[in-house]
């Protein structure tokens, strides 16, 4: 199976969802290469960008679990299949 690299964008609009998001991210920590979070205290909307690397199924499971949390939207963009290192 191919390992893919990508970005997962997470938008949190409900403060009570933050702990659930953190739990999911901890559970998938082995595929998270980097993380940047930007809280907006005025609007209550928070954005997290993850750099991920792993099997498509594992990345999809991460995004799916995040998307099932009320007040959370998650989307991913991955490198195309078959991309080889130079």
Protein backbone atom coordinates (compact mmCIF):
# COMPACT_ATOMS: atom_id res chain seq x y z
CA UNK A 1 0.00 0.00 0.00
CA UNK A 2 1.18 3.49 -0.88
CA UNK A 3 1.94 6.05 1.75
CA UNK A 4 0.53 9.48 0.90
CA UNK A 5 1.30 12.97 2.16
CA UNK A 6 -1.36 15.59 2.59
CA UNK A 7 -3.07 18.31 4.55
CA UNK A 8 -6.11 17.99 6.79
CA UNK A 9 -8.00 21.22 7.48
CA UNK A 10 -10.16 21.29 10.60
CA UNK A 11 -12.62 24.05 11.50
CA UNK A 12 -14.08 24.02 15.02
CA UNK A 13 -17.13 26.20 15.64
CA UNK A 14 -18.23 24.88 19.04
CA UNK A 15 -15.92 25.25 22.03
CA UNK A 16 -17.22 22.05 23.63
CA UNK A 17 -15.85 20.06 20.65
CA UNK A 18 -12.20 20.92 21.35
CA UNK A 19 -11.55 18.07 23.79
CA UNK A 20 -13.07 15.50 21.42
CA UNK A 21 -10.92 16.82 18.57
CA UNK A 22 -7.80 16.54 20.73
CA UNK A 23 -8.68 12.95 21.64
CA UNK A 24 -9.02 11.98 17.97
CA UNK A 25 -5.76 13.71 17.06
CA UNK A 26 -3.97 11.85 19.86
CA UNK A 27 -5.37 8.54 18.59
CA UNK A 28 -3.96 9.23 15.10
CA UNK A 29 -0.71 10.83 16.25
CA UNK A 30 1.44 8.36 14.32
CA UNK A 31 0.37 9.84 10.97
CA UNK A 32 0.53 13.52 12.00
CA UNK A 33 3.82 15.09 10.90
CA UNK A 34 3.02 18.71 11.77
CA UNK A 35 0.26 20.83 13.24
CA UNK A 36 -0.65 24.51 13.23
CA UNK A 37 -3.60 25.90 15.15
CA UNK A 38 -5.12 29.37 14.88
CA UNK A 39 -7.78 30.25 17.46
CA UNK A 40 -10.10 33.19 16.86
CA UNK A 41 -11.36 34.23 20.27
CA UNK A 42 -13.61 36.96 18.84
CA UNK A 43 -15.64 34.68 16.58
CA UNK A 44 -15.19 31.42 18.48
CA UNK A 45 -13.99 29.70 15.30
CA UNK A 46 -10.73 27.80 15.43
CA UNK A 47 -8.73 26.36 12.55
CA UNK A 48 -6.19 23.56 12.71
CA UNK A 49 -4.01 22.51 9.77
CA UNK A 50 -2.35 19.10 9.94
CA UNK A 51 0.39 17.72 7.72
CA UNK A 52 -0.20 13.98 7.53
CA UNK A 53 1.64 11.03 6.05
CA UNK A 54 0.28 7.50 5.94
CA UNK A 55 -2.07 5.05 4.29
CA UNK A 56 -5.14 6.57 2.64
CA UNK A 57 -7.43 4.42 4.79
CA UNK A 58 -5.86 5.74 8.00
CA UNK A 59 -6.03 9.38 6.85
CA UNK A 60 -9.65 8.90 5.77
CA UNK A 61 -10.48 7.38 9.15
CA UNK A 62 -8.95 10.41 10.88
CA UNK A 63 -11.00 12.83 8.77
CA UNK A 64 -14.15 10.73 9.22
CA UNK A 65 -13.81 10.60 12.99
CA UNK A 66 -13.26 14.35 13.15
CA UNK A 67 -16.26 14.99 10.89
CA UNK A 68 -18.55 13.04 13.21
CA UNK A 69 -17.93 15.50 16.04
CA UNK A 70 -20.69 18.12 16.31
CA UNK A 71 -19.33 21.59 15.52
CA UNK A 72 -16.36 20.26 13.53
CA UNK A 73 -15.70 20.24 9.79
CA UNK A 74 -12.69 18.36 8.39
CA UNK A 75 -11.41 18.00 4.82
CA UNK A 76 -8.26 16.49 3.35
CA UNK A 77 -6.09 16.96 0.28
CA UNK A 78 -3.58 14.22 -0.55
CA UNK A 79 -0.77 13.73 -3.03
CA UNK A 80 -1.82 11.72 -6.08
CA UNK A 81 -1.38 7.97 -6.07
CA UNK A 82 1.88 6.69 -7.52
CA UNK A 83 4.04 9.77 -6.82
CA UNK A 84 7.60 8.56 -6.25
CA UNK A 85 10.51 10.33 -4.57
CA UNK A 86 13.34 11.59 -6.82
